[in-house]
Amino acid sequence: MSERKVLSKYYPPDFDPSLVGRTRKPKSAANTPKVQVVRLMAPFSMRCTACGEYMYRGRKFNARKETRPDEKYLSIQIYRFYIRCTRCSAEIVFKTDPKNQDYTVEQGAKRNTDPWKRGLDDGDNGDGEDETDEQRLDRLEREMAEAAGEEEKNAMAELEQKTEDAKREMAVADALDEIRSRNARLEKAKSEGVDLLEGLVSKETEEEKERRRQEEEDAEAARRAFQFARRQEMLEEIVEEPEGEEKGVDGSNGGPSLSLSEGVKPATTAAATAAATTAGTDTTDMPPPSFKRVVKRKKDHAALLGIKKKKVA
């Protein structure tokens, strides 16, 4: 296997360089167009007239660029490009337009409308003829006058709109002031009503306090009365006479015996015993000391406690 990069080549022994002729291409004519294969992007959006396929701006194509020496505009070379539709492979031809600084479609497609370049696609004045410089100047002046009129009209409309906005703002401000004054009056009336209501509530509160105090006093008096009645019922005793007579404490003089009734305190019994013991002795002489157990007389609280004694028939 031979090397890929070599400096010397093999020449056979019978090689004769004079026998090898130098081939020359025929010299092209002066008006023969020069064709070159280039890679480009579509400069505008277009639609194929054969199948209706839309091709957007910026799509890449393998195109043939044709340069004709005789096609120039003010010494600016005009180039023609040949591309094919991406769907039906129909040939589409367009060329540069230095006069309008744009491109012109010649065959196979129709350019989509560009509103900001209206009047540059066709390059005519509406009669099918090319537009002259004077016609172009007239058209530009007319367009500028229309634009100035539109601007003046827009300025007047803007002024009218500002006037209407100012009137509307003044009306809104007046309505807002009226609403604020009404709210202030309502707030004032509300505050006065609240003060009056607070006075009534305070007056009613004092009356309620007085009535509550009276009710508490009545309840306390009723509670004390019921407590006193309950205590009396607990201390109340029913005195009943027993069957037969029981002998009491014997006196020294042999007097009648004393009978104790139920409900009588022991103080009464002790007093009777002391009276019977001292009845026979002389009152002038001091009694001899006695070591007998003497019961002290107690106060009779039966009347104070409300104890009722049952009368014996």
Protein backbone atom coordinates (compact mmCIF):
# COMPACT_ATOMS: atom_id res chain seq x y z
CA MET A 1 0.00 0.00 0.00
CA SER A 2 1.41 3.34 -1.03
CA GLU A 3 1.70 6.31 1.17
CA ARG A 4 -0.93 9.01 1.09
CA LYS A 5 1.46 11.94 1.07
CA VAL A 6 4.54 11.47 -1.09
CA LEU A 7 7.02 13.83 -2.66
CA SER A 8 8.11 11.60 -5.52
CA LYS A 9 5.91 9.78 -8.02
CA TYR A 10 6.57 6.77 -10.12
CA TYR A 11 7.22 7.34 -13.81
CA PRO A 12 7.50 4.31 -16.06
CA PRO A 13 10.63 3.95 -18.25
CA ASP A 14 8.77 4.56 -21.46
CA PHE A 15 7.10 7.82 -20.21
CA ASP A 16 7.32 10.68 -22.70
CA PRO A 17 6.16 14.08 -21.38
CA SER A 18 5.89 15.49 -24.88
CA LEU A 19 3.13 13.09 -25.67
CA VAL A 20 0.98 14.42 -22.84
CA GLY A 21 -1.02 17.35 -24.21
CA ARG A 22 -2.28 20.26 -22.11
CA THR A 23 -6.05 20.58 -22.41
CA ARG A 24 -7.52 24.08 -22.33
CA LYS A 25 -11.16 24.99 -21.83
CA PRO A 26 -12.76 27.07 -24.48
CA LYS A 27 -12.67 30.76 -23.75
CA SER A 28 -16.12 31.98 -22.82
CA ALA A 29 -17.73 34.85 -24.61
CA ALA A 30 -17.85 38.28 -23.10
CA ASN A 31 -21.61 38.21 -22.43
CA THR A 32 -21.71 34.64 -21.08
CA PRO A 33 -23.18 34.62 -17.54
CA LYS A 34 -21.11 33.26 -14.72
CA VAL A 35 -22.84 30.56 -12.64
CA GLN A 36 -21.77 29.66 -9.11
CA VAL A 37 -23.32 27.30 -6.52
CA VAL A 38 -23.87 29.02 -3.20
CA ARG A 39 -25.70 28.41 0.09
CA LEU A 40 -28.14 31.17 0.97
CA MET A 41 -31.17 31.99 3.08
CA ALA A 42 -34.45 33.19 1.64
CA PRO A 43 -34.47 37.00 1.95
CA PHE A 44 -38.30 37.18 2.19
CA SER A 45 -41.32 34.96 2.71
CA MET A 46 -42.83 33.49 -0.44
CA ARG A 47 -45.44 31.03 -1.66
CA CYS A 48 -44.90 28.56 -4.45
CA THR A 49 -47.28 29.09 -7.39
CA ALA A 50 -47.17 25.41 -8.39
CA CYS A 51 -48.13 23.70 -5.11
CA GLY A 52 -48.94 26.60 -2.75
CA GLU A 53 -46.17 25.75 -0.27
CA TYR A 54 -45.17 28.62 2.04
CA MET A 55 -41.46 29.21 2.59
CA TYR A 56 -40.59 31.55 5.40
CA ARG A 57 -37.85 34.14 5.52
CA GLY A 58 -34.46 32.79 6.56
CA ARG A 59 -34.89 29.26 5.20
CA LYS A 60 -31.66 27.85 3.76
CA PHE A 61 -31.34 26.70 0.14
CA ASN A 62 -28.63 25.40 -2.16
CA ALA A 63 -28.90 27.94 -4.95
CA ARG A 64 -27.23 28.79 -8.25
CA LYS A 65 -26.02 32.37 -8.39
CA GLU A 66 -25.95 33.81 -11.88
CA THR A 67 -23.97 36.93 -12.66
CA ARG A 68 -24.64 38.69 -15.95
CA PRO A 69 -22.07 41.32 -16.89
CA ASP A 70 -24.61 43.32 -18.85
CA GLU A 71 -27.12 43.62 -15.96
CA LYS A 72 -26.14 46.54 -13.80
CA TYR A 73 -27.85 49.49 -12.14
CA LEU A 74 -25.65 52.53 -11.76
CA SER A 75 -22.57 50.28 -11.94
CA ILE A 76 -24.07 48.01 -9.23
CA GLN A 77 -24.07 44.38 -10.29
CA ILE A 78 -27.40 42.56 -10.30
CA TYR A 79 -27.39 38.92 -9.16
CA ARG A 80 -29.98 36.26 -10.03
CA PHE A 81 -30.64 33.22 -7.84
CA TYR A 82 -32.23 29.88 -8.74
CA ILE A 83 -33.72 27.75 -5.97
CA ARG A 84 -36.27 24.92 -5.86
CA CYS A 85 -39.48 24.50 -3.87
CA THR A 86 -39.11 22.29 -0.82
CA ARG A 87 -42.30 20.40 -1.67
CA CYS A 88 -42.67 20.09 -5.44
CA SER A 89 -39.10 21.00 -6.50
CA ALA A 90 -40.37 23.67 -8.88
CA GLU A 91 -37.77 26.24 -9.89
CA ILE A 92 -38.01 29.67 -8.28
CA VAL A 93 -36.04 32.61 -9.63
CA PHE A 94 -35.48 35.97 -7.96
CA LYS A 95 -32.90 38.70 -8.34
CA THR A 96 -31.54 41.68 -6.48
CA ASP A 97 -33.09 45.14 -6.91
CA PRO A 98 -30.54 47.88 -6.10
CA LYS A 99 -32.97 50.55 -7.23
CA ASN A 100 -35.40 49.79 -4.38
CA GLN A 101 -32.85 48.14 -2.09
CA ASP A 102 -34.80 44.91 -2.15
CA TYR A 103 -35.38 41.70 -4.11
CA THR A 104 -37.72 40.98 -7.02
CA VAL A 105 -39.36 37.63 -7.74
CA GLU A 106 -39.21 36.67 -11.41
CA GLN A 107 -40.61 33.16 -11.67
CA GLY A 108 -42.11 30.25 -9.70
CA ALA A 109 -43.28 32.02 -6.55
CA LYS A 110 -45.26 34.94 -5.24
CA ARG A 111 -43.93 37.16 -2.52
CA ASN A 112 -46.00 37.67 0.61
CA THR A 113 -47.18 41.21 1.29
CA ASP A 114 -44.93 43.37 3.45
CA PRO A 115 -46.93 46.38 4.75
CA TRP A 116 -43.84 48.44 5.56
CA LYS A 117 -42.51 47.94 2.00
CA ARG A 118 -45.69 48.63 0.08
CA GLY A 119 -45.01 49.97 -3.39
CA LEU A 120 -41.51 48.48 -3.57
CA ASP A 121 -42.50 45.03 -4.77
CA ASP A 122 -44.06 45.95 -8.08
CA GLY A 123 -42.02 49.04 -8.96
CA ASP A 124 -44.77 50.55 -11.10
CA ASN A 125 -47.28 53.38 -10.81
CA GLY A 126 -50.37 51.23 -11.20
CA ASP A 127 -50.49 51.34 -15.01
CA GLY A 128 -47.96 48.58 -15.56
CA GLU A 129 -45.16 51.06 -16.35
CA ASP A 130 -42.03 51.76 -14.35
CA GLU A 131 -42.28 54.65 -11.95
CA THR A 132 -40.16 57.64 -12.90
CA ASP A 133 -38.21 59.82 -10.50
CA GLU A 134 -40.75 62.61 -10.71
CA GLN A 135 -43.62 60.25 -9.99
CA ARG A 136 -41.71 58.81 -7.08
CA LEU A 137 -41.06 62.31 -5.68
CA ASP A 138 -44.72 63.21 -6.08
CA ARG A 139 -45.76 60.05 -4.34
CA LEU A 140 -43.35 60.64 -1.48
CA GLU A 141 -44.55 64.24 -1.07
CA ARG A 142 -48.15 63.09 -1.06
CA GLU A 143 -47.39 60.44 1.51
CA MET A 144 -45.55 62.96 3.69
CA ALA A 145 -48.47 65.41 3.45
CA GLU A 146 -50.90 62.66 4.42
CA ALA A 147 -48.66 61.72 7.34
CA ALA A 148 -48.50 65.38 8.46
CA GLY A 149 -52.29 65.65 8.20
CA GLU A 150 -52.65 62.48 10.19
CA GLU A 151 -50.27 63.84 12.81
CA GLU A 152 -52.21 67.13 13.00
CA LYS A 153 -55.47 65.24 13.24
CA ASN A 154 -53.96 63.03 15.91
CA ALA A 155 -52.76 66.13 17.78
CA MET A 156 -56.26 67.64 17.73
CA ALA A 157 -57.80 64.36 18.81
CA GLU A 158 -55.22 64.07 21.59
CA LEU A 159 -56.02 67.64 22.73
CA GLU A 160 -59.75 66.88 22.77
CA GLN A 161 -59.09 63.69 24.68
CA LYS A 162 -57.00 65.59 27.26
CA THR A 163 -59.81 68.16 27.66
CA GLU A 164 -62.37 65.42 28.22
CA ASP A 165 -60.04 63.73 30.71
CA ALA A 166 -59.61 67.01 32.61
CA LYS A 167 -63.40 67.52 32.77
CA ARG A 168 -63.88 63.96 33.94
CA GLU A 169 -61.22 64.37 36.63
CA MET A 170 -62.88 67.58 37.87
CA ALA A 171 -66.27 65.85 38.03
CA VAL A 172 -64.72 62.94 39.90
CA ALA A 173 -63.01 65.33 42.34
CA ASP A 174 -66.33 67.14 43.01
CA ALA A 175 -68.12 63.85 43.58
CA LEU A 176 -65.33 62.72 45.89
CA ASP A 177 -65.55 65.95 47.93
CA GLU A 178 -69.31 65.51 48.25
CA ILE A 179 -68.88 61.93 49.39
CA ARG A 180 -66.27 62.97 51.94
CA SER A 181 -68.49 65.73 53.36
CA ARG A 182 -71.42 63.34 53.59
CA ASN A 183 -69.25 60.76 55.33
CA ALA A 184 -68.07 63.45 57.77
CA ARG A 185 -71.67 64.41 58.59
CA LEU A 186 -72.61 60.76 59.07
CA GLU A 187 -69.58 60.22 61.29
CA LYS A 188 -70.45 63.26 63.39
CA ALA A 189 -74.08 62.17 63.77
CA LYS A 190 -72.91 58.69 64.61
CA SER A 191 -70.52 59.94 67.30
CA GLU A 192 -73.27 62.11 68.85
CA GLY A 193 -75.65 59.17 68.76
CA VAL A 194 -73.02 56.99 70.41
CA ASP A 195 -72.54 59.55 73.22
CA LEU A 196 -76.31 59.72 73.80
CA LEU A 197 -76.53 55.98 73.73
CA GLU A 198 -73.65 55.72 76.21
CA GLY A 199 -75.50 58.14 78.53
CA LEU A 200 -78.67 56.08 78.34
CA VAL A 201 -76.72 52.91 78.89
CA SER A 202 -74.95 54.43 81.94
CA LYS A 203 -78.31 55.58 83.35
CA GLU A 204 -79.81 52.18 82.79
CA THR A 205 -76.74 50.68 84.36
CA GLU A 206 -77.20 52.72 87.57
CA GLU A 207 -80.86 51.70 87.75
CA GLU A 208 -79.85 48.09 87.21
CA LYS A 209 -77.27 48.35 89.98
CA GLU A 210 -79.84 49.80 92.42
CA ARG A 211 -82.38 47.14 91.55
CA ARG A 212 -79.75 44.41 91.86
CA ARG A 213 -78.68 45.75 95.23
CA GLN A 214 -82.27 45.73 96.48
CA GLU A 215 -82.76 42.21 95.18
CA GLU A 216 -79.59 41.08 96.95
CA GLU A 217 -80.75 42.69 100.20
CA ASP A 218 -84.18 41.01 99.88
CA ALA A 219 -82.51 37.70 99.15
CA GLU A 220 -80.20 38.09 102.16
CA ALA A 221 -83.14 38.97 104.44
CA ALA A 222 -85.13 35.99 103.18
CA ARG A 223 -82.12 33.74 103.68
CA ARG A 224 -81.68 34.95 107.25
CA ALA A 225 -85.39 34.52 108.00
CA PHE A 226 -85.40 30.96 106.64
CA GLN A 227 -82.21 30.17 108.56
CA PHE A 228 -83.71 31.51 111.78
CA ALA A 229 -86.92 29.53 111.24
CA ARG A 230 -84.93 26.37 110.53
CA ARG A 231 -82.87 26.90 113.69
CA GLN A 232 -86.04 27.38 115.75
CA GLU A 233 -87.49 24.20 114.34
CA MET A 234 -84.35 22.35 115.32
CA LEU A 235 -84.41 23.78 118.87
CA GLU A 236 -88.16 23.37 119.38
CA GLU A 237 -89.02 20.56 121.72
CA ILE A 238 -92.39 19.12 122.58
CA VAL A 239 -92.94 18.77 126.34
CA GLU A 240 -95.11 15.84 127.26
CA GLU A 241 -96.15 14.72 130.80
CA PRO A 242 -95.11 11.12 131.61
CA GLU A 243 -97.56 8.52 132.97
CA GLY A 244 -97.63 8.39 136.80
CA GLU A 245 -95.84 10.64 139.23
CA GLU A 246 -92.17 10.26 139.93
CA LYS A 247 -90.68 11.20 143.25
CA GLY A 248 -88.41 14.14 143.26
CA VAL A 249 -85.75 15.11 145.68
CA ASP A 250 -86.72 14.36 149.31
CA GLY A 251 -86.84 17.40 151.58
CA SER A 252 -85.64 17.47 155.16
CA ASN A 253 -89.11 18.30 156.46
CA GLY A 254 -90.74 15.47 154.57
CA GLY A 255 -92.63 17.80 152.21
CA PRO A 256 -94.17 16.79 148.92
CA SER A 257 -91.87 15.58 146.16
CA LEU A 258 -91.21 17.64 143.06
CA SER A 259 -91.85 16.20 139.68
CA LEU A 260 -89.60 17.20 136.72
CA SER A 261 -91.23 17.87 133.48
CA GLU A 262 -89.50 17.07 130.24
CA GLY A 263 -88.01 20.14 128.63
CA VAL A 264 -87.06 21.87 131.94
CA LYS A 265 -83.44 22.60 132.44
CA PRO A 266 -81.46 20.96 135.27
CA ALA A 267 -80.97 24.41 136.80
CA THR A 268 -84.61 24.35 138.03
CA THR A 269 -84.07 20.98 139.72
CA ALA A 270 -80.90 22.19 141.37
CA ALA A 271 -82.68 25.31 142.71
CA ALA A 272 -85.51 23.19 144.20
CA THR A 273 -83.04 20.85 145.87
CA ALA A 274 -81.14 23.75 147.41
CA ALA A 275 -84.38 25.30 148.71
CA ALA A 276 -85.53 22.02 150.28
CA THR A 277 -82.17 21.53 151.96
CA THR A 278 -82.04 24.97 153.53
CA ALA A 279 -85.73 25.16 154.54
CA GLY A 280 -85.35 23.63 158.07
CA THR A 281 -82.21 25.46 159.12
CA ASP A 282 -82.04 28.74 160.87
CA THR A 283 -81.49 31.74 158.73
CA THR A 284 -79.58 33.57 161.41
CA ASP A 285 -76.76 31.05 161.69
CA MET A 286 -74.43 30.26 158.83
CA PRO A 287 -74.98 26.81 157.51
CA PRO A 288 -72.27 24.33 158.24
CA PRO A 289 -70.02 23.52 155.39
CA SER A 290 -71.49 20.85 153.25
CA PHE A 291 -69.57 18.66 150.93
CA LYS A 292 -72.61 17.72 148.90
CA ARG A 293 -72.50 18.28 145.13
CA VAL A 294 -74.43 21.42 144.31
CA VAL A 295 -75.54 22.00 140.74
CA LYS A 296 -75.22 25.59 139.64
CA ARG A 297 -78.33 27.29 138.46
CA LYS A 298 -78.35 28.07 134.80
CA LYS A 299 -80.27 30.71 132.93
CA ASP A 300 -83.49 29.71 131.32
CA HIS A 301 -83.07 30.31 127.59
CA ALA A 302 -86.27 28.54 126.61
CA ALA A 303 -88.20 31.79 126.26
CA LEU A 304 -85.42 33.40 124.29
CA LEU A 305 -85.18 30.46 121.87
CA GLY A 306 -88.93 30.38 121.36
CA ILE A 307 -89.49 26.93 122.83
CA LYS A 308 -93.13 26.33 123.46
CA LYS A 309 -94.15 24.02 126.26
CA LYS A 310 -97.12 21.78 125.73
CA LYS A 311 -99.72 22.36 128.35
CA VAL A 312 -100.73 19.26 130.23
CA ALA A 313 -104.49 18.87 130.57
